[in-house]
């Protein structure tokens, strides 16, 4: 159970970082 929970957290962090990069890229394109 603990291992699964850790995997979920790492996946969420990875998705969050990718999302931030996409938002930054959008802002750059809008400029």
N, C-alpha and C. Protein backbone atom coordinates (compact mmCIF):
# COMPACT_ATOMS: atom_id res chain seq x y z
N UNK A 1 0.84 -1.20 0.00
CA UNK A 1 0.00 0.00 0.00
C UNK A 1 0.87 1.25 0.00
N UNK A 2 1.88 1.25 0.85
CA UNK A 2 2.74 2.44 0.93
C UNK A 2 3.42 2.71 -0.41
N UNK A 3 3.90 1.66 -1.05
CA UNK A 3 4.60 1.83 -2.32
C UNK A 3 3.66 2.47 -3.35
N UNK A 4 2.41 2.01 -3.38
CA UNK A 4 1.45 2.58 -4.33
C UNK A 4 1.24 4.06 -4.05
N UNK A 5 1.13 4.40 -2.77
CA UNK A 5 0.89 5.80 -2.41
C UNK A 5 2.07 6.66 -2.88
N UNK A 6 3.28 6.18 -2.68
CA UNK A 6 4.47 6.93 -3.11
C UNK A 6 4.45 7.12 -4.62
N UNK A 7 4.09 6.07 -5.34
CA UNK A 7 4.04 6.17 -6.81
C UNK A 7 3.04 7.23 -7.24
N UNK A 8 1.88 7.26 -6.59
CA UNK A 8 0.86 8.25 -6.94
C UNK A 8 1.39 9.66 -6.71
N UNK A 9 2.07 9.85 -5.60
CA UNK A 9 2.60 11.18 -5.28
C UNK A 9 3.63 11.60 -6.32
N UNK A 10 4.53 10.70 -6.70
CA UNK A 10 5.56 11.05 -7.68
C UNK A 10 4.91 11.36 -9.02
N UNK A 11 3.89 10.60 -9.39
CA UNK A 11 3.20 10.85 -10.67
C UNK A 11 2.54 12.22 -10.63
N UNK A 12 1.88 12.55 -9.52
CA UNK A 12 1.22 13.85 -9.40
C UNK A 12 2.23 14.98 -9.52
N UNK A 13 3.38 14.81 -8.89
CA UNK A 13 4.42 15.85 -8.95
C UNK A 13 4.89 16.00 -10.40
N UNK A 14 5.11 14.90 -11.09
CA UNK A 14 5.56 14.95 -12.48
C UNK A 14 4.53 15.64 -13.36
N UNK A 15 3.26 15.31 -13.18
CA UNK A 15 2.19 15.94 -13.97
C UNK A 15 2.13 17.42 -13.66
N UNK A 16 2.27 17.77 -12.39
CA UNK A 16 2.22 19.19 -11.99
C UNK A 16 3.34 19.97 -12.65
N UNK A 17 4.52 19.41 -12.69
CA UNK A 17 5.66 20.11 -13.31
C UNK A 17 5.41 20.27 -14.81
N UNK A 18 4.90 19.24 -15.46
CA UNK A 18 4.63 19.31 -16.89
C UNK A 18 3.57 20.39 -17.15
N UNK A 19 2.55 20.45 -16.30
CA UNK A 19 1.49 21.45 -16.46
C UNK A 19 2.04 22.85 -16.34
N UNK A 20 2.93 23.07 -15.38
CA UNK A 20 3.51 24.40 -15.20
C UNK A 20 4.31 24.80 -16.44
N UNK A 21 5.06 23.85 -16.99
CA UNK A 21 5.85 24.15 -18.19
C UNK A 21 4.93 24.52 -19.35
N UNK A 22 3.80 23.81 -19.47
CA UNK A 22 2.86 24.13 -20.55
C UNK A 22 2.30 25.53 -20.37
N UNK A 23 1.96 25.90 -19.14
CA UNK A 23 1.41 27.23 -18.87
C UNK A 23 2.45 28.29 -19.22
N UNK A 24 3.69 28.05 -18.82
CA UNK A 24 4.76 29.02 -19.13
C UNK A 24 4.93 29.14 -20.63
N UNK A 25 4.88 28.03 -21.34
CA UNK A 25 5.03 28.05 -22.80
C UNK A 25 3.88 28.85 -23.42
N UNK A 26 2.67 28.67 -22.90
CA UNK A 26 1.52 29.42 -23.42
C UNK A 26 1.72 30.91 -23.23
N UNK A 27 2.18 31.30 -22.05
CA UNK A 27 2.39 32.72 -21.77
C UNK A 27 3.42 33.30 -22.72
N UNK A 28 4.49 32.54 -22.98
CA UNK A 28 5.53 33.02 -23.90
C UNK A 28 4.94 33.19 -25.30
N UNK A 29 4.11 32.23 -25.73
CA UNK A 29 3.52 32.31 -27.07
C UNK A 29 2.57 33.51 -27.16
N UNK A 30 1.84 33.80 -26.08
CA UNK A 30 0.89 34.92 -26.10
C UNK A 30 1.61 36.25 -26.24
N UNK A 31 2.83 36.34 -25.70
CA UNK A 31 3.59 37.58 -25.80
C UNK A 31 3.99 37.78 -27.25
